Amino acid sequence: MHRCRDVGHWLSQPKDEVGLPCPIARSTHTLHFHRVARLADAGCVEQHHRIASEIEVHPNGKFVYGSNRGHDSIAVYSRDAATGKLTFVQHAPCGGKVPRHFAIDPSGKWMLIGHQDSNTISVLALDPEKGTLGEPTGTVSAPKPICLLFAK
């Protein structure tokens, strides 16, 4: 199981399960998670195309994004605020090879994606109302980008 930063989610491999915290299950010492989706449910038909890396929740909390290294894409899900259930929305091409990490800018209108094997960073427009990603609007060279952060 891979614990992803302090965003409050986990990724389990090889089952490719995504979990988000259950707000009513918190205690002073433990945060319990429950499964809300499987990457296999996101339309990647072949198992070898499901190699997840980063997971991010949109700043508005309505959408969840997951990078898929085997498919070179970003999977987009809408998130039910009451149940946490994820519903598949889109597979968006990420603009490079092997998306290692990505970050959503604080405005929620742009996503930057670092590509491990193509040594690039791509910028994709993000629709904060629909959660969907557009085609890459720009790509720059960057040697082995592994982490993207926005300064406050």
N, C-alpha and C. Protein backbone atom coordinates (compact mmCIF):
# COMPACT_ATOMS: atom_id res chain seq x y z
N MET A 1 0.85 -1.18 0.00
CA MET A 1 0.00 0.00 0.00
C MET A 1 0.90 1.23 0.00
N HIS A 2 0.52 2.22 -0.79
CA HIS A 2 1.28 3.45 -0.92
C HIS A 2 0.46 4.59 -0.32
N ARG A 3 0.99 5.26 0.67
CA ARG A 3 0.31 6.39 1.32
C ARG A 3 0.75 7.65 0.60
N CYS A 4 -0.17 8.40 0.05
CA CYS A 4 0.14 9.54 -0.78
C CYS A 4 0.07 10.84 0.01
N ARG A 5 1.25 11.35 0.39
CA ARG A 5 1.42 12.64 1.06
C ARG A 5 0.36 12.85 2.15
N ASP A 6 -0.01 14.09 2.37
CA ASP A 6 -0.97 14.40 3.42
C ASP A 6 -2.34 14.73 2.86
N VAL A 7 -2.59 14.38 1.60
CA VAL A 7 -3.87 14.68 0.96
C VAL A 7 -4.98 13.84 1.57
N GLY A 8 -4.64 12.70 2.13
CA GLY A 8 -5.66 11.86 2.75
C GLY A 8 -6.20 10.81 1.81
N HIS A 9 -5.34 10.08 1.14
CA HIS A 9 -5.78 8.98 0.29
C HIS A 9 -4.68 7.94 0.23
N TRP A 10 -5.03 6.77 -0.25
CA TRP A 10 -4.05 5.72 -0.40
C TRP A 10 -4.26 5.03 -1.73
N LEU A 11 -3.22 4.35 -2.17
CA LEU A 11 -3.26 3.60 -3.40
C LEU A 11 -2.70 2.22 -3.09
N SER A 12 -3.45 1.21 -3.42
CA SER A 12 -3.03 -0.16 -3.14
C SER A 12 -2.72 -0.86 -4.45
N GLN A 13 -1.53 -1.45 -4.54
CA GLN A 13 -1.18 -2.23 -5.71
C GLN A 13 -0.86 -3.64 -5.24
N PRO A 14 -1.15 -4.73 -5.91
CA PRO A 14 -1.56 -4.76 -7.30
C PRO A 14 -3.06 -4.64 -7.52
N LYS A 15 -3.85 -4.47 -6.48
CA LYS A 15 -5.30 -4.41 -6.67
C LYS A 15 -5.75 -3.11 -7.32
N ASP A 16 -4.89 -2.09 -7.35
CA ASP A 16 -5.23 -0.80 -7.96
C ASP A 16 -6.48 -0.19 -7.35
N GLU A 17 -6.55 -0.19 -6.03
CA GLU A 17 -7.68 0.40 -5.34
C GLU A 17 -7.32 1.80 -4.87
N VAL A 18 -8.28 2.68 -4.87
CA VAL A 18 -8.11 4.05 -4.39
C VAL A 18 -8.99 4.22 -3.18
N GLY A 19 -8.47 4.84 -2.13
CA GLY A 19 -9.26 5.07 -0.93
C GLY A 19 -9.19 6.52 -0.50
N LEU A 20 -10.23 6.98 0.10
CA LEU A 20 -10.30 8.32 0.67
C LEU A 20 -10.72 8.18 2.13
N PRO A 21 -10.37 9.15 2.97
CA PRO A 21 -10.73 9.00 4.38
C PRO A 21 -12.23 9.03 4.60
N CYS A 22 -12.65 8.26 5.55
CA CYS A 22 -14.05 8.26 5.98
C CYS A 22 -14.15 9.25 7.14
N PRO A 23 -14.79 10.41 6.96
CA PRO A 23 -14.75 11.46 7.98
C PRO A 23 -15.28 11.03 9.35
N ILE A 24 -16.25 10.14 9.38
CA ILE A 24 -16.81 9.76 10.68
C ILE A 24 -15.97 8.69 11.37
N ALA A 25 -14.94 8.17 10.70
CA ALA A 25 -14.13 7.11 11.29
C ALA A 25 -12.85 7.64 11.94
N ARG A 26 -12.69 8.94 12.06
CA ARG A 26 -11.48 9.50 12.63
C ARG A 26 -11.44 9.34 14.14
N SER A 27 -10.26 9.10 14.64
CA SER A 27 -10.05 9.12 16.08
C SER A 27 -8.78 9.92 16.33
N THR A 28 -8.37 10.07 17.56
CA THR A 28 -7.19 10.87 17.84
C THR A 28 -5.90 10.21 17.37
N HIS A 29 -5.91 8.89 17.17
CA HIS A 29 -4.69 8.19 16.79
C HIS A 29 -4.74 7.54 15.42
N THR A 30 -5.92 7.33 14.86
CA THR A 30 -6.03 6.56 13.63
C THR A 30 -6.99 7.23 12.67
N LEU A 31 -6.63 7.23 11.40
CA LEU A 31 -7.52 7.67 10.35
C LEU A 31 -7.84 6.45 9.50
N HIS A 32 -9.09 6.05 9.47
CA HIS A 32 -9.50 4.86 8.74
C HIS A 32 -9.88 5.24 7.32
N PHE A 33 -9.56 4.37 6.38
CA PHE A 33 -9.88 4.59 4.98
C PHE A 33 -10.83 3.51 4.50
N HIS A 34 -11.63 3.86 3.51
CA HIS A 34 -12.46 2.86 2.86
C HIS A 34 -12.30 2.97 1.35
N ARG A 35 -12.41 1.84 0.68
CA ARG A 35 -12.23 1.82 -0.76
C ARG A 35 -13.38 2.54 -1.44
N VAL A 36 -13.04 3.42 -2.38
CA VAL A 36 -14.07 4.14 -3.11
C VAL A 36 -14.02 3.86 -4.61
N ALA A 37 -12.93 3.31 -5.10
CA ALA A 37 -12.86 3.03 -6.54
C ALA A 37 -11.73 2.05 -6.82
N ARG A 38 -11.81 1.44 -7.97
CA ARG A 38 -10.72 0.61 -8.49
C ARG A 38 -10.33 1.18 -9.84
N LEU A 39 -9.03 1.27 -10.10
CA LEU A 39 -8.59 1.79 -11.38
C LEU A 39 -9.09 0.93 -12.52
N ALA A 40 -9.33 -0.34 -12.25
CA ALA A 40 -9.84 -1.24 -13.29
C ALA A 40 -11.22 -0.80 -13.78
N ASP A 41 -11.94 -0.06 -12.94
CA ASP A 41 -13.27 0.40 -13.31
C ASP A 41 -13.22 1.64 -14.18
N ALA A 42 -12.04 2.16 -14.47
CA ALA A 42 -11.91 3.42 -15.18
C ALA A 42 -11.74 3.27 -16.68
N GLY A 43 -12.01 2.11 -17.22
CA GLY A 43 -11.98 1.95 -18.65
C GLY A 43 -10.68 1.44 -19.22
N CYS A 44 -9.64 1.25 -18.42
CA CYS A 44 -8.40 0.63 -18.91
C CYS A 44 -8.66 -0.86 -19.00
N VAL A 45 -8.75 -1.36 -20.20
CA VAL A 45 -9.16 -2.74 -20.37
C VAL A 45 -8.06 -3.72 -19.99
N GLU A 46 -6.85 -3.46 -20.41
CA GLU A 46 -5.76 -4.39 -20.17
C GLU A 46 -5.06 -4.08 -18.86
N GLN A 47 -4.83 -5.11 -18.06
CA GLN A 47 -4.24 -4.93 -16.74
C GLN A 47 -2.86 -4.28 -16.80
N HIS A 48 -2.04 -4.61 -17.80
CA HIS A 48 -0.70 -4.04 -17.87
C HIS A 48 -0.72 -2.55 -18.18
N HIS A 49 -1.87 -2.00 -18.51
CA HIS A 49 -2.00 -0.56 -18.73
C HIS A 49 -2.40 0.19 -17.47
N ARG A 50 -2.56 -0.51 -16.35
CA ARG A 50 -2.95 0.13 -15.10
C ARG A 50 -1.75 0.18 -14.15
N ILE A 51 -1.00 1.26 -14.23
CA ILE A 51 0.15 1.43 -13.35
C ILE A 51 0.03 2.84 -12.76
N ALA A 52 -0.72 2.95 -11.69
CA ALA A 52 -1.03 4.26 -11.11
C ALA A 52 0.16 4.83 -10.36
N SER A 53 0.20 6.16 -10.28
CA SER A 53 1.24 6.81 -9.47
C SER A 53 0.61 7.85 -8.56
N GLU A 54 0.36 9.04 -9.05
CA GLU A 54 -0.13 10.13 -8.21
C GLU A 54 -1.65 10.17 -8.17
N ILE A 55 -2.18 10.64 -7.05
CA ILE A 55 -3.62 10.89 -6.89
C ILE A 55 -3.75 12.28 -6.29
N GLU A 56 -4.65 13.10 -6.85
CA GLU A 56 -4.90 14.44 -6.32
C GLU A 56 -6.40 14.69 -6.29
N VAL A 57 -6.83 15.44 -5.29
CA VAL A 57 -8.21 15.89 -5.18
C VAL A 57 -8.24 17.34 -5.62
N HIS A 58 -9.19 17.70 -6.47
CA HIS A 58 -9.32 19.09 -6.94
C HIS A 58 -9.55 20.00 -5.74
N PRO A 59 -9.06 21.25 -5.79
CA PRO A 59 -9.27 22.18 -4.67
C PRO A 59 -10.73 22.35 -4.26
N ASN A 60 -11.67 22.18 -5.20
CA ASN A 60 -13.10 22.31 -4.83
C ASN A 60 -13.66 21.03 -4.23
N GLY A 61 -12.86 19.94 -4.19
CA GLY A 61 -13.29 18.69 -3.58
C GLY A 61 -14.23 17.85 -4.42
N LYS A 62 -14.60 18.32 -5.61
CA LYS A 62 -15.60 17.61 -6.42
C LYS A 62 -15.02 16.57 -7.36
N PHE A 63 -13.69 16.60 -7.57
CA PHE A 63 -13.08 15.70 -8.55
C PHE A 63 -11.80 15.09 -7.99
N VAL A 64 -11.51 13.86 -8.46
CA VAL A 64 -10.29 13.16 -8.08
C VAL A 64 -9.59 12.76 -9.37
N TYR A 65 -8.25 12.94 -9.38
CA TYR A 65 -7.44 12.66 -10.56
C TYR A 65 -6.38 11.63 -10.21
N GLY A 66 -6.12 10.73 -11.14
CA GLY A 66 -5.08 9.73 -10.94
C GLY A 66 -4.26 9.56 -12.19
N SER A 67 -2.92 9.60 -12.04
CA SER A 67 -2.07 9.40 -13.22
C SER A 67 -1.88 7.91 -13.44
N ASN A 68 -1.78 7.54 -14.70
CA ASN A 68 -1.66 6.15 -15.10
C ASN A 68 -0.43 6.02 -15.99
N ARG A 69 0.64 5.46 -15.41
CA ARG A 69 1.91 5.35 -16.12
C ARG A 69 1.85 4.40 -17.31
N GLY A 70 1.10 3.34 -17.22
CA GLY A 70 1.04 2.37 -18.31
C GLY A 70 0.24 2.86 -19.50
N HIS A 71 -0.70 3.72 -19.26
CA HIS A 71 -1.62 4.22 -20.28
C HIS A 71 -1.24 5.64 -20.70
N ASP A 72 -0.27 6.25 -19.99
CA ASP A 72 0.14 7.65 -20.24
C ASP A 72 -1.07 8.57 -20.29
N SER A 73 -1.83 8.52 -19.20
CA SER A 73 -3.07 9.31 -19.15
C SER A 73 -3.35 9.74 -17.71
N ILE A 74 -4.33 10.62 -17.60
CA ILE A 74 -4.88 11.02 -16.31
C ILE A 74 -6.33 10.57 -16.28
N ALA A 75 -6.68 9.79 -15.27
CA ALA A 75 -8.07 9.37 -15.09
C ALA A 75 -8.77 10.42 -14.23
N VAL A 76 -9.96 10.81 -14.65
CA VAL A 76 -10.74 11.84 -13.96
C VAL A 76 -12.01 11.20 -13.41
N TYR A 77 -12.28 11.48 -12.13
CA TYR A 77 -13.49 10.98 -11.48
C TYR A 77 -14.23 12.15 -10.85
N SER A 78 -15.57 12.09 -10.87
CA SER A 78 -16.34 13.01 -10.04
C SER A 78 -16.50 12.34 -8.68
N ARG A 79 -16.61 13.15 -7.64
CA ARG A 79 -16.68 12.63 -6.28
C ARG A 79 -17.98 13.07 -5.62
N ASP A 80 -18.78 12.11 -5.15
CA ASP A 80 -20.00 12.42 -4.42
C ASP A 80 -19.62 12.91 -3.03
N ALA A 81 -20.02 14.12 -2.70
CA ALA A 81 -19.63 14.73 -1.42
C ALA A 81 -20.18 13.97 -0.22
N ALA A 82 -21.35 13.36 -0.35
CA ALA A 82 -21.97 12.67 0.79
C ALA A 82 -21.36 11.30 1.03
N THR A 83 -21.09 10.56 -0.04
CA THR A 83 -20.64 9.17 0.13
C THR A 83 -19.16 8.97 -0.18
N GLY A 84 -18.56 9.91 -0.93
CA GLY A 84 -17.18 9.75 -1.37
C GLY A 84 -17.06 8.88 -2.60
N LYS A 85 -18.19 8.35 -3.10
CA LYS A 85 -18.15 7.46 -4.27
C LYS A 85 -17.60 8.21 -5.48
N LEU A 86 -16.74 7.53 -6.22
CA LEU A 86 -16.15 8.10 -7.42
C LEU A 86 -16.84 7.55 -8.66
N THR A 87 -17.09 8.43 -9.62
CA THR A 87 -17.67 8.04 -10.89
C THR A 87 -16.72 8.47 -11.99
N PHE A 88 -16.37 7.53 -12.85
CA PHE A 88 -15.43 7.82 -13.93
C PHE A 88 -15.99 8.87 -14.87
N VAL A 89 -15.15 9.87 -15.22
CA VAL A 89 -15.53 10.96 -16.12
C VAL A 89 -14.74 10.91 -17.42
N GLN A 90 -13.41 10.72 -17.34
CA GLN A 90 -12.58 10.91 -18.52
C GLN A 90 -11.21 10.25 -18.34
N HIS A 91 -10.64 9.83 -19.46
CA HIS A 91 -9.21 9.52 -19.57
C HIS A 91 -8.64 10.61 -20.45
N ALA A 92 -7.68 11.38 -19.95
CA ALA A 92 -7.08 12.45 -20.74
C ALA A 92 -5.63 12.11 -21.04
N PRO A 93 -5.20 12.25 -22.30
CA PRO A 93 -3.78 12.06 -22.61
C PRO A 93 -2.96 13.06 -21.81
N CYS A 94 -1.83 12.60 -21.27
CA CYS A 94 -1.06 13.46 -20.37
C CYS A 94 0.01 14.29 -21.07
N GLY A 95 0.29 14.01 -22.36
CA GLY A 95 1.24 14.82 -23.09
C GLY A 95 2.68 14.35 -23.04
N GLY A 96 2.94 13.17 -22.48
CA GLY A 96 4.30 12.66 -22.40
C GLY A 96 4.30 11.19 -22.01
N LYS A 97 5.48 10.66 -21.75
CA LYS A 97 5.64 9.25 -21.40
C LYS A 97 5.88 9.08 -19.90
N VAL A 98 5.11 8.21 -19.30
CA VAL A 98 5.20 7.83 -17.89
C VAL A 98 4.99 9.03 -16.96
N PRO A 99 3.73 9.42 -16.75
CA PRO A 99 3.44 10.53 -15.84
C PRO A 99 3.76 10.16 -14.40
N ARG A 100 4.87 10.66 -13.90
CA ARG A 100 5.33 10.31 -12.55
C ARG A 100 4.59 11.09 -11.48
N HIS A 101 4.40 12.37 -11.69
CA HIS A 101 3.76 13.23 -10.70
C HIS A 101 3.00 14.33 -11.42
N PHE A 102 1.97 14.83 -10.77
CA PHE A 102 1.27 15.99 -11.32
C PHE A 102 0.76 16.84 -10.16
N ALA A 103 0.44 18.08 -10.49
CA ALA A 103 -0.07 19.00 -9.48
C ALA A 103 -1.13 19.89 -10.11
N ILE A 104 -2.16 20.18 -9.33
CA ILE A 104 -3.22 21.10 -9.74
C ILE A 104 -2.89 22.45 -9.14
N ASP A 105 -2.93 23.51 -9.97
CA ASP A 105 -2.58 24.82 -9.44
C ASP A 105 -3.67 25.28 -8.46
N PRO A 106 -3.36 26.20 -7.55
CA PRO A 106 -4.32 26.60 -6.52
C PRO A 106 -5.64 27.16 -7.05
N SER A 107 -5.65 27.73 -8.27
CA SER A 107 -6.90 28.23 -8.84
C SER A 107 -7.80 27.10 -9.32
N GLY A 108 -7.22 25.90 -9.48
CA GLY A 108 -7.99 24.75 -9.96
C GLY A 108 -8.23 24.75 -11.45
N LYS A 109 -7.51 25.60 -12.21
CA LYS A 109 -7.74 25.73 -13.65
C LYS A 109 -6.65 25.12 -14.51
N TRP A 110 -5.56 24.66 -13.88
CA TRP A 110 -4.43 24.11 -14.64
C TRP A 110 -3.86 22.90 -13.92
N MET A 111 -3.35 21.96 -14.71
CA MET A 111 -2.64 20.81 -14.17
C MET A 111 -1.28 20.73 -14.85
N LEU A 112 -0.22 20.56 -14.06
CA LEU A 112 1.12 20.34 -14.58
C LEU A 112 1.47 18.88 -14.34
N ILE A 113 2.04 18.24 -15.36
CA ILE A 113 2.35 16.81 -15.27
C ILE A 113 3.81 16.60 -15.62
N GLY A 114 4.55 15.95 -14.70
CA GLY A 114 5.95 15.61 -14.94
C GLY A 114 6.06 14.22 -15.50
N HIS A 115 6.76 14.07 -16.63
CA HIS A 115 6.88 12.79 -17.33
C HIS A 115 8.28 12.22 -17.16
N GLN A 116 8.35 11.11 -16.49
CA GLN A 116 9.61 10.47 -16.15
C GLN A 116 10.42 10.04 -17.37
N ASP A 117 9.80 9.41 -18.35
CA ASP A 117 10.56 8.85 -19.48
C ASP A 117 10.74 9.80 -20.65
N SER A 118 9.88 10.81 -20.79
CA SER A 118 10.09 11.77 -21.89
C SER A 118 10.80 13.04 -21.41
N ASN A 119 11.09 13.11 -20.09
CA ASN A 119 11.82 14.26 -19.53
C ASN A 119 11.16 15.59 -19.88
N THR A 120 9.86 15.65 -19.65
CA THR A 120 9.09 16.85 -19.96
C THR A 120 8.08 17.15 -18.86
N ILE A 121 7.60 18.38 -18.88
CA ILE A 121 6.47 18.80 -18.05
C ILE A 121 5.43 19.39 -18.99
N SER A 122 4.21 18.89 -18.92
CA SER A 122 3.12 19.39 -19.76
C SER A 122 2.13 20.17 -18.92
N VAL A 123 1.47 21.14 -19.56
CA VAL A 123 0.43 21.95 -18.93
C VAL A 123 -0.88 21.62 -19.61
N LEU A 124 -1.89 21.26 -18.81
CA LEU A 124 -3.22 20.98 -19.34
C LEU A 124 -4.22 21.92 -18.70
N ALA A 125 -5.14 22.45 -19.51
CA ALA A 125 -6.24 23.25 -18.98
C ALA A 125 -7.19 22.32 -18.25
N LEU A 126 -7.75 22.81 -17.14
CA LEU A 126 -8.65 22.02 -16.31
C LEU A 126 -9.94 22.82 -16.13
N ASP A 127 -11.07 22.22 -16.44
CA ASP A 127 -12.38 22.87 -16.26
C ASP A 127 -12.85 22.59 -14.84
N PRO A 128 -12.83 23.61 -13.94
CA PRO A 128 -13.19 23.36 -12.54
C PRO A 128 -14.67 23.02 -12.31
N GLU A 129 -15.52 23.30 -13.29
CA GLU A 129 -16.95 22.97 -13.14
C GLU A 129 -17.25 21.53 -13.56
N LYS A 130 -16.60 21.06 -14.62
CA LYS A 130 -16.83 19.70 -15.13
C LYS A 130 -15.76 18.73 -14.68
N GLY A 131 -14.59 19.25 -14.26
CA GLY A 131 -13.48 18.40 -13.85
C GLY A 131 -12.64 17.88 -14.98
N THR A 132 -13.03 18.15 -16.22
CA THR A 132 -12.35 17.58 -17.38
C THR A 132 -11.06 18.32 -17.71
N LEU A 133 -10.17 17.57 -18.34
CA LEU A 133 -8.88 18.10 -18.78
C LEU A 133 -8.88 18.28 -20.28
N GLY A 134 -8.24 19.35 -20.74
CA GLY A 134 -8.08 19.58 -22.17
C GLY A 134 -6.79 18.96 -22.67
N GLU A 135 -6.51 19.16 -23.94
CA GLU A 135 -5.25 18.72 -24.54
C GLU A 135 -4.10 19.53 -23.93
N PRO A 136 -2.90 18.98 -23.93
CA PRO A 136 -1.75 19.75 -23.44
C PRO A 136 -1.62 21.08 -24.20
N THR A 137 -1.47 22.18 -23.47
CA THR A 137 -1.34 23.50 -24.09
C THR A 137 0.12 23.90 -24.24
N GLY A 138 1.00 23.20 -23.57
CA GLY A 138 2.42 23.48 -23.66
C GLY A 138 3.22 22.39 -23.00
N THR A 139 4.43 22.18 -23.48
CA THR A 139 5.33 21.18 -22.90
C THR A 139 6.74 21.75 -22.91
N VAL A 140 7.45 21.57 -21.80
CA VAL A 140 8.84 22.03 -21.70
C VAL A 140 9.72 20.86 -21.30
N SER A 141 10.98 20.94 -21.69
CA SER A 141 11.95 19.92 -21.30
C SER A 141 12.34 20.10 -19.84
N ALA A 142 12.48 18.98 -19.15
CA ALA A 142 12.91 18.99 -17.74
C ALA A 142 13.49 17.62 -17.43
N PRO A 143 14.76 17.55 -17.01
CA PRO A 143 15.37 16.25 -16.76
C PRO A 143 14.74 15.53 -15.57
N LYS A 144 14.16 14.37 -15.82
CA LYS A 144 13.59 13.49 -14.79
C LYS A 144 12.73 14.21 -13.75
N PRO A 145 11.65 14.89 -14.19
CA PRO A 145 10.79 15.57 -13.21
C PRO A 145 10.08 14.56 -12.32
N ILE A 146 10.27 14.66 -11.01
CA ILE A 146 9.66 13.67 -10.11
C ILE A 146 8.67 14.29 -9.13
N CYS A 147 8.69 15.61 -8.97
CA CYS A 147 7.76 16.24 -8.02
C CYS A 147 7.50 17.67 -8.48
N LEU A 148 6.23 18.03 -8.55
CA LEU A 148 5.85 19.39 -8.95
C LEU A 148 5.06 20.02 -7.80
N LEU A 149 5.44 21.22 -7.41
CA LEU A 149 4.77 21.93 -6.32
C LEU A 149 4.53 23.37 -6.72
N PHE A 150 3.46 23.96 -6.21
CA PHE A 150 3.19 25.37 -6.42
C PHE A 150 3.55 26.12 -5.13
N ALA A 151 4.27 27.22 -5.28
CA ALA A 151 4.62 28.05 -4.13
C ALA A 151 3.40 28.86 -3.71
N LYS A 152 3.27 29.08 -2.43
CA LYS A 152 2.13 29.88 -1.93
C LYS A 152 2.48 31.33 -1.87
